[in-house]
Amino acid sequence: MTDYRRELESIRHAKSLEEIQAVVRRYPAAAAGEGDILNSSPVGDVRSEVIAKEMMAKTKGDNR
């Protein structure tokens, strides 16, 4: 298991957006393949994962 405590502490004590960006840019945020969706924020009252699954089912015929 990866330990991200140091990185989280750096983000908590960041004084600017640039400091936060410097930490998070060390890690990839790639989707698993072409057409995959990467989003973890809510969209209104709906969790983004619900929307992502619906979109995948419509565009790929695959509801992982």
PDB file of N, CA and C in Angstrom:
ATOM      1  N   MET A   1       0.839  -1.179   0.000  1.00  0.00           N
ATOM      2  CA  MET A   1       0.000   0.000   0.000  1.00  0.00           C
ATOM      3  C   MET A   1       0.889   1.248   0.000  1.00  0.00           C
ATOM      4  N   THR A   2       0.549   2.177  -0.848  1.00  0.00           N
ATOM      5  CA  THR A   2       1.326   3.404  -0.949  1.00  0.00           C
ATOM      6  C   THR A   2       0.933   4.371   0.167  1.00  0.00           C
ATOM      7  N   ASP A   3       1.905   5.010   0.746  1.00  0.00           N
ATOM      8  CA  ASP A   3       1.684   5.958   1.826  1.00  0.00           C
ATOM      9  C   ASP A   3       1.801   7.381   1.265  1.00  0.00           C
ATOM     10  N   TYR A   4       0.707   8.112   1.289  1.00  0.00           N
ATOM     11  CA  TYR A   4       0.675   9.472   0.750  1.00  0.00           C
ATOM     12  C   TYR A   4       0.609  10.530   1.853  1.00  0.00           C
ATOM     13  N   ARG A   5       0.945  10.146   3.073  1.00  0.00           N
ATOM     14  CA  ARG A   5       0.834  11.100   4.193  1.00  0.00           C
ATOM     15  C   ARG A   5       1.660  12.362   3.977  1.00  0.00           C
ATOM     16  N   ARG A   6       2.866  12.216   3.479  1.00  0.00           N
ATOM     17  CA  ARG A   6       3.731  13.380   3.271  1.00  0.00           C
ATOM     18  C   ARG A   6       3.122  14.334   2.237  1.00  0.00           C
ATOM     19  N   GLU A   7       2.593  13.754   1.161  1.00  0.00           N
ATOM     20  CA  GLU A   7       1.984  14.574   0.116  1.00  0.00           C
ATOM     21  C   GLU A   7       0.731  15.286   0.624  1.00  0.00           C
ATOM     22  N   LEU A   8      -0.089  14.575   1.376  1.00  0.00           N
ATOM     23  CA  LEU A   8      -1.293  15.190   1.924  1.00  0.00           C
ATOM     24  C   LEU A   8      -0.950  16.316   2.886  1.00  0.00           C
ATOM     25  N   GLU A   9       0.068  16.115   3.668  1.00  0.00           N
ATOM     26  CA  GLU A   9       0.521  17.158   4.595  1.00  0.00           C
ATOM     27  C   GLU A   9       1.004  18.388   3.815  1.00  0.00           C
ATOM     28  N   SER A  10       1.717  18.163   2.721  1.00  0.00           N
ATOM     29  CA  SER A  10       2.185  19.277   1.878  1.00  0.00           C
ATOM     30  C   SER A  10       1.012  20.058   1.306  1.00  0.00           C
ATOM     31  N   ILE A  11      -0.023  19.338   0.890  1.00  0.00           N
ATOM     32  CA  ILE A  11      -1.213  20.007   0.336  1.00  0.00           C
ATOM     33  C   ILE A  11      -1.931  20.797   1.421  1.00  0.00           C
ATOM     34  N   ARG A  12      -2.058  20.219   2.601  1.00  0.00           N
ATOM     35  CA  ARG A  12      -2.730  20.920   3.711  1.00  0.00           C
ATOM     36  C   ARG A  12      -2.026  22.224   4.078  1.00  0.00           C
ATOM     37  N   HIS A  13      -0.701  22.249   3.949  1.00  0.00           N
ATOM     38  CA  HIS A  13       0.059  23.433   4.350  1.00  0.00           C
ATOM     39  C   HIS A  13       0.428  24.334   3.168  1.00  0.00           C
ATOM     40  N   ALA A  14      -0.081  24.016   2.003  1.00  0.00           N
ATOM     41  CA  ALA A  14       0.237  24.825   0.810  1.00  0.00           C
ATOM     42  C   ALA A  14      -0.297  26.243   0.972  1.00  0.00           C
ATOM     43  N   LYS A  15       0.477  27.177   0.474  1.00  0.00           N
ATOM     44  CA  LYS A  15       0.096  28.589   0.540  1.00  0.00           C
ATOM     45  C   LYS A  15      -0.458  29.096  -0.794  1.00  0.00           C
ATOM     46  N   SER A  16      -0.366  28.257  -1.827  1.00  0.00           N
ATOM     47  CA  SER A  16      -0.840  28.693  -3.141  1.00  0.00           C
ATOM     48  C   SER A  16      -1.290  27.494  -3.967  1.00  0.00           C
ATOM     49  N   LEU A  17      -2.026  27.786  -5.001  1.00  0.00           N
ATOM     50  CA  LEU A  17      -2.457  26.746  -5.933  1.00  0.00           C
ATOM     51  C   LEU A  17      -1.248  26.100  -6.605  1.00  0.00           C
ATOM     52  N   GLU A  18      -0.225  26.866  -6.880  1.00  0.00           N
ATOM     53  CA  GLU A  18       0.984  26.334  -7.510  1.00  0.00           C
ATOM     54  C   GLU A  18       1.650  25.275  -6.638  1.00  0.00           C
ATOM     55  N   GLU A  19       1.649  25.483  -5.329  1.00  0.00           N
ATOM     56  CA  GLU A  19       2.229  24.492  -4.424  1.00  0.00           C
ATOM     57  C   GLU A  19       1.424  23.192  -4.450  1.00  0.00           C
ATOM     58  N   ILE A  20       0.119  23.307  -4.512  1.00  0.00           N
ATOM     59  CA  ILE A  20      -0.736  22.122  -4.607  1.00  0.00           C
ATOM     60  C   ILE A  20      -0.507  21.415  -5.939  1.00  0.00           C
ATOM     61  N   GLN A  21      -0.452  22.176  -7.012  1.00  0.00           N
ATOM     62  CA  GLN A  21      -0.222  21.598  -8.333  1.00  0.00           C
ATOM     63  C   GLN A  21       1.104  20.856  -8.393  1.00  0.00           C
ATOM     64  N   ALA A  22       2.117  21.389  -7.754  1.00  0.00           N
ATOM     65  CA  ALA A  22       3.433  20.744  -7.763  1.00  0.00           C
ATOM     66  C   ALA A  22       3.365  19.355  -7.125  1.00  0.00           C
ATOM     67  N   VAL A  23       2.534  19.204  -6.115  1.00  0.00           N
ATOM     68  CA  VAL A  23       2.395  17.906  -5.457  1.00  0.00           C
ATOM     69  C   VAL A  23       1.588  16.950  -6.329  1.00  0.00           C
ATOM     70  N   VAL A  24       0.425  17.377  -6.780  1.00  0.00           N
ATOM     71  CA  VAL A  24      -0.459  16.450  -7.497  1.00  0.00           C
ATOM     72  C   VAL A  24       0.047  16.092  -8.891  1.00  0.00           C
ATOM     73  N   ARG A  25       0.858  16.932  -9.468  1.00  0.00           N
ATOM     74  CA  ARG A  25       1.380  16.631 -10.806  1.00  0.00           C
ATOM     75  C   ARG A  25       2.439  15.529 -10.794  1.00  0.00           C
ATOM     76  N   ARG A  26       2.859  15.120  -9.628  1.00  0.00           N
ATOM     77  CA  ARG A  26       3.813  14.006  -9.528  1.00  0.00           C
ATOM     78  C   ARG A  26       3.155  12.664  -9.833  1.00  0.00           C
ATOM     79  N   TYR A  27       1.832  12.648  -9.835  1.00  0.00           N
ATOM     80  CA  TYR A  27       1.111  11.389  -9.989  1.00  0.00           C
ATOM     81  C   TYR A  27       0.234  11.429 -11.243  1.00  0.00           C
ATOM     82  N   PRO A  28       0.227  10.339 -12.002  1.00  0.00           N
ATOM     83  CA  PRO A  28      -0.580  10.300 -13.211  1.00  0.00           C
ATOM     84  C   PRO A  28      -2.069  10.202 -12.877  1.00  0.00           C
ATOM     85  N   ALA A  29      -2.863  10.756 -13.731  1.00  0.00           N
ATOM     86  CA  ALA A  29      -4.319  10.655 -13.596  1.00  0.00           C
ATOM     87  C   ALA A  29      -4.878  10.188 -14.931  1.00  0.00           C
ATOM     88  N   ALA A  30      -4.315   9.117 -15.426  1.00  0.00           N
ATOM     89  CA  ALA A  30      -4.708   8.613 -16.737  1.00  0.00           C
ATOM     90  C   ALA A  30      -5.892   7.669 -16.624  1.00  0.00           C
ATOM     91  N   ALA A  31      -6.734   7.700 -17.630  1.00  0.00           N
ATOM     92  CA  ALA A  31      -7.825   6.738 -17.719  1.00  0.00           C
ATOM     93  C   ALA A  31      -7.241   5.402 -18.174  1.00  0.00           C
ATOM     94  N   ALA A  32      -7.997   4.330 -18.035  1.00  0.00           N
ATOM     95  CA  ALA A  32      -7.503   2.993 -18.365  1.00  0.00           C
ATOM     96  C   ALA A  32      -7.389   2.763 -19.874  1.00  0.00           C
ATOM     97  N   GLY A  33      -8.119   3.501 -20.653  1.00  0.00           N
ATOM     98  CA  GLY A  33      -8.061   3.309 -22.100  1.00  0.00           C
ATOM     99  C   GLY A  33      -8.816   4.398 -22.829  1.00  0.00           C
ATOM    100  N   GLU A  34      -8.786   4.328 -24.118  1.00  0.00           N
ATOM    101  CA  GLU A  34      -9.450   5.329 -24.945  1.00  0.00           C
ATOM    102  C   GLU A  34     -10.940   5.363 -24.623  1.00  0.00           C
ATOM    103  N   GLY A  35     -11.450   6.547 -24.415  1.00  0.00           N
ATOM    104  CA  GLY A  35     -12.868   6.704 -24.142  1.00  0.00           C
ATOM    105  C   GLY A  35     -13.248   6.561 -22.683  1.00  0.00           C
ATOM    106  N   ASP A  36     -12.305   6.215 -21.821  1.00  0.00           N
ATOM    107  CA  ASP A  36     -12.615   6.092 -20.405  1.00  0.00           C
ATOM    108  C   ASP A  36     -12.812   7.470 -19.794  1.00  0.00           C
ATOM    109  N   ILE A  37     -13.482   7.504 -18.668  1.00  0.00           N
ATOM    110  CA  ILE A  37     -13.841   8.758 -18.019  1.00  0.00           C
ATOM    111  C   ILE A  37     -13.136   8.843 -16.676  1.00  0.00           C
ATOM    112  N   LEU A  38     -12.546   9.980 -16.390  1.00  0.00           N
ATOM    113  CA  LEU A  38     -11.877  10.198 -15.116  1.00  0.00           C
ATOM    114  C   LEU A  38     -12.476  11.441 -14.481  1.00  0.00           C
ATOM    115  N   ASN A  39     -13.268  11.247 -13.448  1.00  0.00           N
ATOM    116  CA  ASN A  39     -13.908  12.362 -12.762  1.00  0.00           C
ATOM    117  C   ASN A  39     -14.389  11.863 -11.418  1.00  0.00           C
ATOM    118  N   SER A  40     -14.129  12.600 -10.367  1.00  0.00           N
ATOM    119  CA  SER A  40     -14.557  12.161  -9.052  1.00  0.00           C
ATOM    120  C   SER A  40     -15.412  13.191  -8.333  1.00  0.00           C
ATOM    121  N   SER A  41     -15.773  14.257  -9.024  1.00  0.00           N
ATOM    122  CA  SER A  41     -16.548  15.297  -8.360  1.00  0.00           C
ATOM    123  C   SER A  41     -18.036  15.096  -8.619  1.00  0.00           C
ATOM    124  N   PRO A  42     -18.871  15.531  -7.674  1.00  0.00           N
ATOM    125  CA  PRO A  42     -20.315  15.412  -7.889  1.00  0.00           C
ATOM    126  C   PRO A  42     -20.778  16.375  -8.977  1.00  0.00           C
ATOM    127  N   VAL A  43     -21.860  16.006  -9.639  1.00  0.00           N
ATOM    128  CA  VAL A  43     -22.476  16.865 -10.652  1.00  0.00           C
ATOM    129  C   VAL A  43     -23.883  17.133 -10.146  1.00  0.00           C
ATOM    130  N   GLY A  44     -24.066  18.295  -9.538  1.00  0.00           N
ATOM    131  CA  GLY A  44     -25.346  18.579  -8.885  1.00  0.00           C
ATOM    132  C   GLY A  44     -25.538  17.613  -7.731  1.00  0.00           C
ATOM    133  N   ASP A  45     -26.673  16.910  -7.735  1.00  0.00           N
ATOM    134  CA  ASP A  45     -26.971  15.937  -6.677  1.00  0.00           C
ATOM    135  C   ASP A  45     -26.570  14.519  -7.058  1.00  0.00           C
ATOM    136  N   VAL A  46     -25.931  14.360  -8.208  1.00  0.00           N
ATOM    137  CA  VAL A  46     -25.599  13.037  -8.722  1.00  0.00           C
ATOM    138  C   VAL A  46     -24.098  12.793  -8.611  1.00  0.00           C
ATOM    139  N   ARG A  47     -23.727  11.604  -8.128  1.00  0.00           N
ATOM    140  CA  ARG A  47     -22.298  11.253  -8.081  1.00  0.00           C
ATOM    141  C   ARG A  47     -21.804  11.061  -9.506  1.00  0.00           C
ATOM    142  N   SER A  48     -20.620  11.546  -9.795  1.00  0.00           N
ATOM    143  CA  SER A  48     -20.076  11.473 -11.152  1.00  0.00           C
ATOM    144  C   SER A  48     -19.917  10.045 -11.642  1.00  0.00           C
ATOM    145  N   GLU A  49     -19.684   9.095 -10.728  1.00  0.00           N
ATOM    146  CA  GLU A  49     -19.518   7.708 -11.165  1.00  0.00           C
ATOM    147  C   GLU A  49     -20.809   7.165 -11.779  1.00  0.00           C
ATOM    148  N   VAL A  50     -21.964   7.639 -11.322  1.00  0.00           N
ATOM    149  CA  VAL A  50     -23.242   7.213 -11.890  1.00  0.00           C
ATOM    150  C   VAL A  50     -23.350   7.712 -13.332  1.00  0.00           C
ATOM    151  N   ILE A  51     -23.005   8.980 -13.542  1.00  0.00           N
ATOM    152  CA  ILE A  51     -23.035   9.555 -14.885  1.00  0.00           C
ATOM    153  C   ILE A  51     -22.019   8.859 -15.785  1.00  0.00           C
ATOM    154  N   ALA A  52     -20.831   8.596 -15.260  1.00  0.00           N
ATOM    155  CA  ALA A  52     -19.782   7.940 -16.047  1.00  0.00           C
ATOM    156  C   ALA A  52     -20.231   6.563 -16.513  1.00  0.00           C
ATOM    157  N   LYS A  53     -20.856   5.792 -15.626  1.00  0.00           N
ATOM    158  CA  LYS A  53     -21.316   4.456 -16.003  1.00  0.00           C
ATOM    159  C   LYS A  53     -22.403   4.531 -17.069  1.00  0.00           C
ATOM    160  N   GLU A  54     -23.306   5.500 -16.946  1.00  0.00           N
ATOM    161  CA  GLU A  54     -24.361   5.658 -17.945  1.00  0.00           C
ATOM    162  C   GLU A  54     -23.766   6.046 -19.302  1.00  0.00           C
ATOM    163  N   MET A  55     -22.802   6.955 -19.272  1.00  0.00           N
ATOM    164  CA  MET A  55     -22.167   7.372 -20.529  1.00  0.00           C
ATOM    165  C   MET A  55     -21.408   6.220 -21.172  1.00  0.00           C
ATOM    166  N   MET A  56     -20.711   5.428 -20.366  1.00  0.00           N
ATOM    167  CA  MET A  56     -19.980   4.286 -20.915  1.00  0.00           C
ATOM    168  C   MET A  56     -20.932   3.291 -21.553  1.00  0.00           C
ATOM    169  N   ALA A  57     -22.058   3.052 -20.886  1.00  0.00           N
ATOM    170  CA  ALA A  57     -23.034   2.108 -21.424  1.00  0.00           C
ATOM    171  C   ALA A  57     -23.568   2.596 -22.768  1.00  0.00           C
ATOM    172  N   LYS A  58     -23.750   3.908 -22.896  1.00  0.00           N
ATOM    173  CA  LYS A  58     -24.280   4.467 -24.141  1.00  0.00           C
ATOM    174  C   LYS A  58     -23.235   4.521 -25.244  1.00  0.00           C
ATOM    175  N   THR A  59     -21.984   4.804 -24.892  1.00  0.00           N
ATOM    176  CA  THR A  59     -20.956   4.996 -25.919  1.00  0.00           C
ATOM    177  C   THR A  59     -20.143   3.760 -26.238  1.00  0.00           C
ATOM    178  N   LYS A  60     -20.019   2.843 -25.298  1.00  0.00           N
ATOM    179  CA  LYS A  60     -19.200   1.652 -25.507  1.00  0.00           C
ATOM    180  C   LYS A  60     -20.010   0.370 -25.400  1.00  0.00           C
ATOM    181  N   GLY A  61     -21.235   0.473 -24.924  1.00  0.00           N
ATOM    182  CA  GLY A  61     -22.019  -0.713 -24.690  1.00  0.00           C
ATOM    183  C   GLY A  61     -21.443  -1.561 -23.566  1.00  0.00           C
ATOM    184  N   ASP A  62     -20.699  -0.915 -22.684  1.00  0.00           N
ATOM    185  CA  ASP A  62     -19.984  -1.619 -21.621  1.00  0.00           C
ATOM    186  C   ASP A  62     -20.255  -0.901 -20.309  1.00  0.00           C
ATOM    187  N   ASN A  63     -20.865  -1.551 -19.383  1.00  0.00           N
ATOM    188  CA  ASN A  63     -21.154  -0.937 -18.086  1.00  0.00           C
ATOM    189  C   ASN A  63     -20.342  -1.640 -17.010  1.00  0.00           C
ATOM    190  N   ARG A  64     -19.063  -1.254 -16.878  1.00  0.00           N
ATOM    191  CA  ARG A  64     -18.156  -1.914 -15.931  1.00  0.00           C
ATOM    192  C   ARG A  64     -18.626  -1.770 -14.535  1.00  0.00           C
TER     193      ARG A  64
END
